[in-house]
Amino acid sequence: MTDRNDAYAAALFEVARAEGSLETVEDELFRVARTLEGSEELRATLSDVAIPVERRQAIVEQLLGGRASAITTALVSFVVAAGRSKSLPEIIDRLVARAAQERHEAVGEVRTAYPIDEARRQQLADALGLATGKHVSLKVIVDPSVLGGVVARVGDTVIDGTIRHRLDQLRESL
């Protein structure tokens, strides 16, 4: 099963690279994976074999149309049609890791309460690079549950600088 996910990730990677839009597709697919992880209902719907493939693909078109490039939409639709919806987040994460590896980078995932501008994004990437000793390709996830601050992960290293984490630490010390 894992080998199949690698094969799908490699295929999506090669298509995106051949289309000359690897960076855009990589970012869009990353957001798709996080959306799927956050919605059990959506994952169940896209994986439900009782729903005709054409209907599941139409759902992908409705969700991504206008929000993602045509190539990203087509790739997600392809994976859904192949019956691999449940594995889509893992397939995408492998594609993102492969793209970062090709650029000799590590993937850094940052969760913030609000979107951040390009200057702040670069500061975070630089800081994570210093902390980990790697050049970091940053993926930002807007997550209102963070409240404030950021949670950053590069590989197995997690840095939690959120207000929630600080409040939890304060609560424990009291």
N, C-alpha and C. Protein backbone atom coordinates (compact mmCIF):
# COMPACT_ATOMS: atom_id res chain seq x y z
N MET A 1 0.84 -1.20 0.00
CA MET A 1 0.00 0.00 0.00
C MET A 1 0.87 1.25 0.00
N THR A 2 1.89 1.24 0.82
CA THR A 2 2.79 2.38 0.88
C THR A 2 3.49 2.58 -0.46
N ASP A 3 3.89 1.50 -1.10
CA ASP A 3 4.55 1.62 -2.40
C ASP A 3 3.63 2.26 -3.43
N ARG A 4 2.35 1.96 -3.34
CA ARG A 4 1.38 2.57 -4.26
C ARG A 4 1.30 4.07 -4.04
N ASN A 5 1.31 4.49 -2.77
CA ASN A 5 1.27 5.92 -2.47
C ASN A 5 2.51 6.60 -3.02
N ASP A 6 3.66 5.94 -2.91
CA ASP A 6 4.89 6.50 -3.49
C ASP A 6 4.76 6.62 -5.01
N ALA A 7 4.18 5.61 -5.62
CA ALA A 7 4.01 5.62 -7.08
C ALA A 7 3.08 6.75 -7.51
N TYR A 8 1.99 6.93 -6.79
CA TYR A 8 1.08 8.03 -7.11
C TYR A 8 1.74 9.38 -6.90
N ALA A 9 2.48 9.51 -5.80
CA ALA A 9 3.18 10.78 -5.52
C ALA A 9 4.18 11.08 -6.63
N ALA A 10 4.91 10.06 -7.06
CA ALA A 10 5.89 10.24 -8.14
C ALA A 10 5.20 10.63 -9.44
N ALA A 11 4.08 10.01 -9.73
CA ALA A 11 3.35 10.33 -10.96
C ALA A 11 2.82 11.76 -10.93
N LEU A 12 2.22 12.17 -9.82
CA LEU A 12 1.71 13.54 -9.71
C LEU A 12 2.86 14.54 -9.81
N PHE A 13 3.97 14.23 -9.16
CA PHE A 13 5.16 15.08 -9.21
C PHE A 13 5.62 15.27 -10.65
N GLU A 14 5.74 14.17 -11.38
CA GLU A 14 6.24 14.24 -12.76
C GLU A 14 5.29 15.01 -13.66
N VAL A 15 3.99 14.83 -13.48
CA VAL A 15 3.02 15.58 -14.29
C VAL A 15 3.15 17.07 -14.00
N ALA A 16 3.19 17.43 -12.73
CA ALA A 16 3.30 18.85 -12.36
C ALA A 16 4.59 19.45 -12.89
N ARG A 17 5.69 18.71 -12.79
CA ARG A 17 6.97 19.21 -13.29
C ARG A 17 6.93 19.35 -14.81
N ALA A 18 6.36 18.37 -15.50
CA ALA A 18 6.28 18.42 -16.96
C ALA A 18 5.42 19.60 -17.43
N GLU A 19 4.42 19.95 -16.63
CA GLU A 19 3.55 21.09 -16.96
C GLU A 19 4.21 22.42 -16.61
N GLY A 20 5.36 22.37 -15.94
CA GLY A 20 6.07 23.59 -15.58
C GLY A 20 5.42 24.35 -14.43
N SER A 21 4.64 23.65 -13.63
CA SER A 21 3.94 24.34 -12.55
C SER A 21 4.09 23.60 -11.22
N LEU A 22 5.25 22.99 -11.01
CA LEU A 22 5.46 22.18 -9.82
C LEU A 22 5.26 22.98 -8.53
N GLU A 23 5.83 24.17 -8.46
CA GLU A 23 5.74 24.95 -7.22
C GLU A 23 4.29 25.31 -6.89
N THR A 24 3.55 25.77 -7.90
CA THR A 24 2.15 26.13 -7.70
C THR A 24 1.32 24.91 -7.31
N VAL A 25 1.49 23.83 -8.04
CA VAL A 25 0.73 22.60 -7.77
C VAL A 25 1.08 22.06 -6.39
N GLU A 26 2.35 22.10 -6.05
CA GLU A 26 2.79 21.62 -4.73
C GLU A 26 2.08 22.40 -3.62
N ASP A 27 2.06 23.71 -3.70
CA ASP A 27 1.39 24.54 -2.68
C ASP A 27 -0.11 24.28 -2.64
N GLU A 28 -0.73 24.19 -3.81
CA GLU A 28 -2.17 23.96 -3.85
C GLU A 28 -2.53 22.58 -3.31
N LEU A 29 -1.76 21.58 -3.69
CA LEU A 29 -2.03 20.23 -3.20
C LEU A 29 -1.83 20.15 -1.69
N PHE A 30 -0.83 20.86 -1.18
CA PHE A 30 -0.60 20.88 0.27
C PHE A 30 -1.84 21.40 0.99
N ARG A 31 -2.44 22.46 0.46
CA ARG A 31 -3.66 23.01 1.07
C ARG A 31 -4.83 22.02 0.95
N VAL A 32 -4.91 21.32 -0.17
CA VAL A 32 -5.95 20.29 -0.34
C VAL A 32 -5.79 19.21 0.73
N ALA A 33 -4.57 18.76 0.94
CA ALA A 33 -4.32 17.71 1.94
C ALA A 33 -4.74 18.16 3.33
N ARG A 34 -4.42 19.39 3.69
CA ARG A 34 -4.79 19.89 5.03
C ARG A 34 -6.31 20.03 5.15
N THR A 35 -6.96 20.42 4.05
CA THR A 35 -8.43 20.53 4.05
C THR A 35 -9.05 19.15 4.26
N LEU A 36 -8.53 18.15 3.56
CA LEU A 36 -9.05 16.79 3.70
C LEU A 36 -8.83 16.26 5.11
N GLU A 37 -7.67 16.55 5.68
CA GLU A 37 -7.40 16.10 7.05
C GLU A 37 -8.36 16.74 8.05
N GLY A 38 -8.80 17.95 7.74
CA GLY A 38 -9.68 18.67 8.64
C GLY A 38 -11.16 18.39 8.46
N SER A 39 -11.52 17.59 7.46
CA SER A 39 -12.93 17.34 7.21
C SER A 39 -13.20 15.84 7.00
N GLU A 40 -13.64 15.20 8.05
CA GLU A 40 -13.98 13.78 7.97
C GLU A 40 -15.10 13.55 6.95
N GLU A 41 -16.06 14.49 6.92
CA GLU A 41 -17.20 14.36 6.00
C GLU A 41 -16.74 14.38 4.54
N LEU A 42 -15.83 15.30 4.21
CA LEU A 42 -15.32 15.39 2.85
C LEU A 42 -14.54 14.14 2.48
N ARG A 43 -13.66 13.68 3.38
CA ARG A 43 -12.89 12.46 3.12
C ARG A 43 -13.83 11.28 2.88
N ALA A 44 -14.86 11.17 3.72
CA ALA A 44 -15.80 10.05 3.58
C ALA A 44 -16.55 10.13 2.25
N THR A 45 -16.97 11.32 1.88
CA THR A 45 -17.71 11.50 0.62
C THR A 45 -16.85 11.15 -0.58
N LEU A 46 -15.62 11.64 -0.61
CA LEU A 46 -14.75 11.38 -1.76
C LEU A 46 -14.30 9.93 -1.82
N SER A 47 -14.40 9.21 -0.71
CA SER A 47 -14.00 7.81 -0.66
C SER A 47 -15.16 6.84 -0.79
N ASP A 48 -16.38 7.34 -0.78
CA ASP A 48 -17.57 6.50 -0.78
C ASP A 48 -17.80 5.87 -2.15
N VAL A 49 -17.58 4.57 -2.25
CA VAL A 49 -17.73 3.87 -3.53
C VAL A 49 -19.19 3.77 -3.96
N ALA A 50 -20.13 4.05 -3.05
CA ALA A 50 -21.54 4.06 -3.42
C ALA A 50 -21.90 5.29 -4.24
N ILE A 51 -21.04 6.33 -4.15
CA ILE A 51 -21.24 7.54 -4.95
C ILE A 51 -20.49 7.34 -6.26
N PRO A 52 -21.16 7.53 -7.39
CA PRO A 52 -20.47 7.33 -8.68
C PRO A 52 -19.21 8.21 -8.78
N VAL A 53 -18.20 7.66 -9.44
CA VAL A 53 -16.93 8.37 -9.61
C VAL A 53 -17.15 9.76 -10.21
N GLU A 54 -18.03 9.84 -11.19
CA GLU A 54 -18.29 11.12 -11.85
C GLU A 54 -18.79 12.16 -10.86
N ARG A 55 -19.62 11.73 -9.92
CA ARG A 55 -20.16 12.66 -8.90
C ARG A 55 -19.04 13.10 -7.94
N ARG A 56 -18.17 12.17 -7.55
CA ARG A 56 -17.06 12.52 -6.67
C ARG A 56 -16.09 13.47 -7.37
N GLN A 57 -15.88 13.26 -8.67
CA GLN A 57 -15.02 14.17 -9.43
C GLN A 57 -15.69 15.55 -9.55
N ALA A 58 -17.00 15.57 -9.68
CA ALA A 58 -17.72 16.85 -9.75
C ALA A 58 -17.58 17.61 -8.43
N ILE A 59 -17.55 16.89 -7.32
CA ILE A 59 -17.35 17.53 -6.02
C ILE A 59 -15.96 18.19 -5.98
N VAL A 60 -14.96 17.49 -6.49
CA VAL A 60 -13.60 18.04 -6.55
C VAL A 60 -13.61 19.31 -7.39
N GLU A 61 -14.27 19.25 -8.54
CA GLU A 61 -14.36 20.42 -9.43
C GLU A 61 -15.03 21.60 -8.72
N GLN A 62 -16.11 21.33 -7.99
CA GLN A 62 -16.82 22.39 -7.27
C GLN A 62 -15.94 22.99 -6.18
N LEU A 63 -15.22 22.15 -5.46
CA LEU A 63 -14.39 22.61 -4.35
C LEU A 63 -13.17 23.40 -4.82
N LEU A 64 -12.55 22.93 -5.89
CA LEU A 64 -11.28 23.53 -6.32
C LEU A 64 -11.43 24.53 -7.45
N GLY A 65 -12.51 24.45 -8.20
CA GLY A 65 -12.70 25.35 -9.33
C GLY A 65 -12.57 26.81 -8.93
N GLY A 66 -11.65 27.52 -9.55
CA GLY A 66 -11.43 28.92 -9.24
C GLY A 66 -10.49 29.14 -8.05
N ARG A 67 -10.25 28.11 -7.26
CA ARG A 67 -9.36 28.24 -6.10
C ARG A 67 -8.01 27.58 -6.34
N ALA A 68 -7.94 26.76 -7.36
CA ALA A 68 -6.71 26.05 -7.68
C ALA A 68 -6.55 26.01 -9.19
N SER A 69 -5.33 25.76 -9.62
CA SER A 69 -5.06 25.69 -11.06
C SER A 69 -5.76 24.47 -11.66
N ALA A 70 -5.91 24.50 -12.95
CA ALA A 70 -6.55 23.39 -13.66
C ALA A 70 -5.78 22.09 -13.47
N ILE A 71 -4.45 22.19 -13.46
CA ILE A 71 -3.63 20.97 -13.31
C ILE A 71 -3.82 20.37 -11.92
N THR A 72 -3.89 21.21 -10.88
CA THR A 72 -4.11 20.70 -9.52
C THR A 72 -5.46 20.02 -9.43
N THR A 73 -6.48 20.65 -9.97
CA THR A 73 -7.83 20.09 -9.96
C THR A 73 -7.84 18.75 -10.69
N ALA A 74 -7.18 18.68 -11.83
CA ALA A 74 -7.14 17.44 -12.61
C ALA A 74 -6.41 16.34 -11.85
N LEU A 75 -5.33 16.68 -11.16
CA LEU A 75 -4.57 15.67 -10.42
C LEU A 75 -5.39 15.11 -9.24
N VAL A 76 -6.05 15.99 -8.52
CA VAL A 76 -6.90 15.52 -7.41
C VAL A 76 -8.03 14.66 -7.96
N SER A 77 -8.64 15.09 -9.04
CA SER A 77 -9.72 14.33 -9.67
C SER A 77 -9.23 12.95 -10.11
N PHE A 78 -8.03 12.89 -10.64
CA PHE A 78 -7.44 11.62 -11.07
C PHE A 78 -7.30 10.66 -9.88
N VAL A 79 -6.78 11.16 -8.77
CA VAL A 79 -6.59 10.31 -7.59
C VAL A 79 -7.94 9.83 -7.05
N VAL A 80 -8.92 10.71 -7.04
CA VAL A 80 -10.27 10.34 -6.60
C VAL A 80 -10.83 9.25 -7.52
N ALA A 81 -10.68 9.42 -8.82
CA ALA A 81 -11.19 8.43 -9.78
C ALA A 81 -10.48 7.09 -9.63
N ALA A 82 -9.23 7.13 -9.21
CA ALA A 82 -8.46 5.89 -9.04
C ALA A 82 -8.81 5.18 -7.73
N GLY A 83 -9.69 5.79 -6.93
CA GLY A 83 -10.11 5.17 -5.68
C GLY A 83 -9.11 5.33 -4.55
N ARG A 84 -8.26 6.36 -4.62
CA ARG A 84 -7.20 6.57 -3.62
C ARG A 84 -7.46 7.79 -2.74
N SER A 85 -8.72 8.21 -2.63
CA SER A 85 -9.06 9.41 -1.86
C SER A 85 -8.58 9.35 -0.42
N LYS A 86 -8.72 8.21 0.22
CA LYS A 86 -8.29 8.08 1.61
C LYS A 86 -6.80 8.32 1.76
N SER A 87 -6.04 7.98 0.75
CA SER A 87 -4.58 8.12 0.79
C SER A 87 -4.10 9.47 0.26
N LEU A 88 -5.02 10.30 -0.21
CA LEU A 88 -4.62 11.55 -0.85
C LEU A 88 -3.71 12.43 0.01
N PRO A 89 -4.02 12.67 1.30
CA PRO A 89 -3.09 13.49 2.10
C PRO A 89 -1.67 12.90 2.16
N GLU A 90 -1.57 11.58 2.33
CA GLU A 90 -0.25 10.95 2.38
C GLU A 90 0.45 11.05 1.03
N ILE A 91 -0.27 10.84 -0.05
CA ILE A 91 0.31 10.96 -1.39
C ILE A 91 0.84 12.38 -1.60
N ILE A 92 0.04 13.36 -1.22
CA ILE A 92 0.45 14.76 -1.39
C ILE A 92 1.66 15.08 -0.53
N ASP A 93 1.67 14.61 0.72
CA ASP A 93 2.81 14.87 1.59
C ASP A 93 4.09 14.27 1.01
N ARG A 94 3.97 13.13 0.38
CA ARG A 94 5.14 12.52 -0.26
C ARG A 94 5.59 13.33 -1.48
N LEU A 95 4.64 13.86 -2.23
CA LEU A 95 4.98 14.73 -3.36
C LEU A 95 5.71 15.97 -2.85
N VAL A 96 5.19 16.59 -1.80
CA VAL A 96 5.81 17.80 -1.24
C VAL A 96 7.23 17.49 -0.75
N ALA A 97 7.40 16.37 -0.07
CA ALA A 97 8.73 15.98 0.41
C ALA A 97 9.68 15.73 -0.75
N ARG A 98 9.17 15.11 -1.80
CA ARG A 98 10.02 14.85 -2.97
C ARG A 98 10.44 16.14 -3.65
N ALA A 99 9.51 17.09 -3.77
CA ALA A 99 9.83 18.38 -4.39
C ALA A 99 10.87 19.12 -3.55
N ALA A 100 10.70 19.11 -2.23
CA ALA A 100 11.66 19.77 -1.35
C ALA A 100 13.03 19.10 -1.44
N GLN A 101 13.04 17.78 -1.48
CA GLN A 101 14.30 17.04 -1.58
C GLN A 101 15.02 17.38 -2.88
N GLU A 102 14.26 17.51 -3.96
CA GLU A 102 14.88 17.85 -5.24
C GLU A 102 15.53 19.24 -5.19
N ARG A 103 14.95 20.13 -4.38
CA ARG A 103 15.52 21.48 -4.21
C ARG A 103 16.55 21.51 -3.08
N HIS A 104 16.85 20.35 -2.50
CA HIS A 104 17.77 20.22 -1.37
C HIS A 104 17.29 21.02 -0.17
N GLU A 105 16.00 20.89 0.11
CA GLU A 105 15.37 21.60 1.22
C GLU A 105 14.63 20.60 2.12
N ALA A 106 14.32 21.08 3.31
CA ALA A 106 13.43 20.36 4.22
C ALA A 106 12.09 21.09 4.20
N VAL A 107 11.01 20.37 4.40
CA VAL A 107 9.69 21.00 4.44
C VAL A 107 9.41 21.46 5.87
N GLY A 108 9.08 22.72 5.99
CA GLY A 108 8.68 23.28 7.28
C GLY A 108 7.21 23.61 7.23
N GLU A 109 6.47 23.11 8.21
CA GLU A 109 5.03 23.37 8.28
C GLU A 109 4.79 24.32 9.43
N VAL A 110 4.17 25.46 9.14
CA VAL A 110 3.90 26.46 10.16
C VAL A 110 2.40 26.69 10.24
N ARG A 111 1.86 26.62 11.46
CA ARG A 111 0.45 26.92 11.70
C ARG A 111 0.35 28.26 12.40
N THR A 112 -0.46 29.15 11.82
CA THR A 112 -0.68 30.47 12.41
C THR A 112 -2.18 30.74 12.47
N ALA A 113 -2.56 31.68 13.31
CA ALA A 113 -3.98 32.03 13.43
C ALA A 113 -4.44 32.84 12.22
N TYR A 114 -3.50 33.58 11.62
CA TYR A 114 -3.84 34.48 10.51
C TYR A 114 -2.84 34.31 9.38
N PRO A 115 -3.23 34.66 8.16
CA PRO A 115 -2.27 34.61 7.05
C PRO A 115 -1.07 35.53 7.33
N ILE A 116 0.08 35.15 6.83
CA ILE A 116 1.27 35.98 7.01
C ILE A 116 1.79 36.44 5.66
N ASP A 117 2.42 37.61 5.65
CA ASP A 117 2.94 38.16 4.40
C ASP A 117 4.27 37.49 4.03
N GLU A 118 4.74 37.78 2.84
CA GLU A 118 5.94 37.13 2.32
C GLU A 118 7.18 37.44 3.16
N ALA A 119 7.29 38.67 3.68
CA ALA A 119 8.45 39.03 4.50
C ALA A 119 8.48 38.20 5.78
N ARG A 120 7.34 38.05 6.44
CA ARG A 120 7.27 37.27 7.68
C ARG A 120 7.51 35.79 7.38
N ARG A 121 6.99 35.35 6.25
CA ARG A 121 7.20 33.96 5.83
C ARG A 121 8.69 33.67 5.66
N GLN A 122 9.40 34.60 5.03
CA GLN A 122 10.84 34.42 4.82
C GLN A 122 11.59 34.45 6.15
N GLN A 123 11.18 35.32 7.07
CA GLN A 123 11.81 35.37 8.39
C GLN A 123 11.64 34.03 9.12
N LEU A 124 10.45 33.47 9.04
CA LEU A 124 10.20 32.18 9.68
C LEU A 124 11.03 31.07 9.04
N ALA A 125 11.11 31.07 7.72
CA ALA A 125 11.90 30.06 7.01
C ALA A 125 13.37 30.18 7.41
N ASP A 126 13.87 31.41 7.49
CA ASP A 126 15.27 31.63 7.88
C ASP A 126 15.51 31.16 9.32
N ALA A 127 14.59 31.51 10.23
CA ALA A 127 14.73 31.11 11.63
C ALA A 127 14.69 29.60 11.78
N LEU A 128 13.79 28.94 11.06
CA LEU A 128 13.73 27.48 11.12
C LEU A 128 14.98 26.85 10.51
N GLY A 129 15.50 27.49 9.48
CA GLY A 129 16.74 27.02 8.88
C GLY A 129 17.89 27.08 9.87
N LEU A 130 17.98 28.17 10.61
CA LEU A 130 19.02 28.29 11.64
C LEU A 130 18.83 27.26 12.75
N ALA A 131 17.59 27.05 13.15
CA ALA A 131 17.30 26.11 14.24
C ALA A 131 17.57 24.66 13.85
N THR A 132 17.38 24.33 12.58
CA THR A 132 17.51 22.94 12.15
C THR A 132 18.77 22.66 11.35
N GLY A 133 19.45 23.71 10.90
CA GLY A 133 20.64 23.52 10.08
C GLY A 133 20.32 23.10 8.65
N LYS A 134 19.08 23.34 8.22
CA LYS A 134 18.65 22.96 6.87
C LYS A 134 18.04 24.17 6.17
N HIS A 135 18.06 24.15 4.87
CA HIS A 135 17.32 25.16 4.10
C HIS A 135 15.86 24.71 4.11
N VAL A 136 14.95 25.58 4.50
CA VAL A 136 13.57 25.19 4.74
C VAL A 136 12.62 25.78 3.70
N SER A 137 11.81 24.91 3.11
CA SER A 137 10.71 25.30 2.24
C SER A 137 9.48 25.37 3.12
N LEU A 138 8.92 26.56 3.28
CA LEU A 138 7.86 26.78 4.27
C LEU A 138 6.47 26.61 3.67
N LYS A 139 5.64 25.85 4.37
CA LYS A 139 4.22 25.69 4.05
C LYS A 139 3.44 26.25 5.22
N VAL A 140 2.57 27.22 4.95
CA VAL A 140 1.82 27.89 6.01
C VAL A 140 0.38 27.41 6.01
N ILE A 141 -0.10 27.05 7.20
CA ILE A 141 -1.49 26.62 7.38
C ILE A 141 -2.15 27.62 8.32
N VAL A 142 -3.23 28.23 7.87
CA VAL A 142 -3.98 29.14 8.73
C VAL A 142 -4.93 28.29 9.57
N ASP A 143 -4.75 28.38 10.90
CA ASP A 143 -5.50 27.54 11.83
C ASP A 143 -5.96 28.43 13.00
N PRO A 144 -7.22 28.87 12.99
CA PRO A 144 -7.71 29.76 14.04
C PRO A 144 -7.58 29.20 15.46
N SER A 145 -7.48 27.89 15.61
CA SER A 145 -7.33 27.32 16.95
C SER A 145 -5.98 27.66 17.58
N VAL A 146 -5.05 28.14 16.79
CA VAL A 146 -3.74 28.53 17.31
C VAL A 146 -3.85 29.73 18.24
N LEU A 147 -4.84 30.59 18.04
CA LEU A 147 -5.10 31.81 18.80
C LEU A 147 -4.09 32.92 18.50
N GLY A 148 -2.83 32.66 18.61
CA GLY A 148 -1.78 33.63 18.34
C GLY A 148 -0.45 32.91 18.38
N GLY A 149 0.59 33.50 17.78
CA GLY A 149 1.88 32.83 17.71
C GLY A 149 1.89 31.83 16.57
N VAL A 150 2.86 30.90 16.64
CA VAL A 150 3.00 29.89 15.59
C VAL A 150 3.40 28.55 16.18
N VAL A 151 3.04 27.50 15.45
CA VAL A 151 3.56 26.16 15.70
C VAL A 151 4.32 25.79 14.43
N ALA A 152 5.58 25.44 14.59
CA ALA A 152 6.40 25.09 13.43
C ALA A 152 6.90 23.66 13.57
N ARG A 153 6.92 22.94 12.44
CA ARG A 153 7.44 21.58 12.43
C ARG A 153 8.32 21.40 11.21
N VAL A 154 9.53 20.92 11.44
CA VAL A 154 10.44 20.54 10.37
C VAL A 154 10.89 19.13 10.71
N GLY A 155 10.40 18.17 9.93
CA GLY A 155 10.70 16.77 10.24
C GLY A 155 10.13 16.42 11.60
N ASP A 156 10.99 15.93 12.50
CA ASP A 156 10.55 15.55 13.85
C ASP A 156 10.66 16.69 14.85
N THR A 157 11.20 17.82 14.43
CA THR A 157 11.39 18.95 15.33
C THR A 157 10.13 19.82 15.34
N VAL A 158 9.58 20.05 16.54
CA VAL A 158 8.39 20.88 16.69
C VAL A 158 8.73 22.04 17.63
N ILE A 159 8.40 23.24 17.20
CA ILE A 159 8.60 24.43 18.00
C ILE A 159 7.22 25.05 18.19
N ASP A 160 6.76 25.09 19.44
CA ASP A 160 5.42 25.60 19.74
C ASP A 160 5.54 26.94 20.45
N GLY A 161 5.30 28.00 19.71
CA GLY A 161 5.34 29.34 20.27
C GLY A 161 3.96 29.98 20.30
N THR A 162 2.94 29.16 20.51
CA THR A 162 1.57 29.68 20.49
C THR A 162 1.16 30.20 21.86
N ILE A 163 0.21 31.09 21.85
CA ILE A 163 -0.37 31.59 23.09
C ILE A 163 -1.01 30.44 23.86
N ARG A 164 -1.68 29.56 23.15
CA ARG A 164 -2.32 28.40 23.79
C ARG A 164 -1.29 27.57 24.55
N HIS A 165 -0.14 27.31 23.93
CA HIS A 165 0.92 26.52 24.57
C HIS A 165 1.44 27.24 25.82
N ARG A 166 1.63 28.54 25.70
CA ARG A 166 2.11 29.31 26.86
C ARG A 166 1.09 29.30 27.99
N LEU A 167 -0.19 29.39 27.65
CA LEU A 167 -1.24 29.33 28.68
C LEU A 167 -1.27 27.95 29.35
N ASP A 168 -1.09 26.91 28.55
CA ASP A 168 -1.04 25.56 29.11
C ASP A 168 0.14 25.41 30.07
N GLN A 169 1.30 25.96 29.68
CA GLN A 169 2.48 25.90 30.55
C GLN A 169 2.22 26.66 31.85
N LEU A 170 1.60 27.82 31.75
CA LEU A 170 1.29 28.63 32.93
C LEU A 170 0.33 27.87 33.83
N ARG A 171 -0.68 27.26 33.24
CA ARG A 171 -1.68 26.49 33.99
C ARG A 171 -1.00 25.34 34.75
N GLU A 172 -0.06 24.66 34.09
CA GLU A 172 0.66 23.55 34.73
C GLU A 172 1.53 24.04 35.88
N SER A 173 2.15 25.20 35.72
CA SER A 173 3.03 25.71 36.78
C SER A 173 2.24 26.20 37.99
N LEU A 174 0.99 26.59 37.78
CA LEU A 174 0.15 27.04 38.90
C LEU A 174 -0.40 25.84 39.62
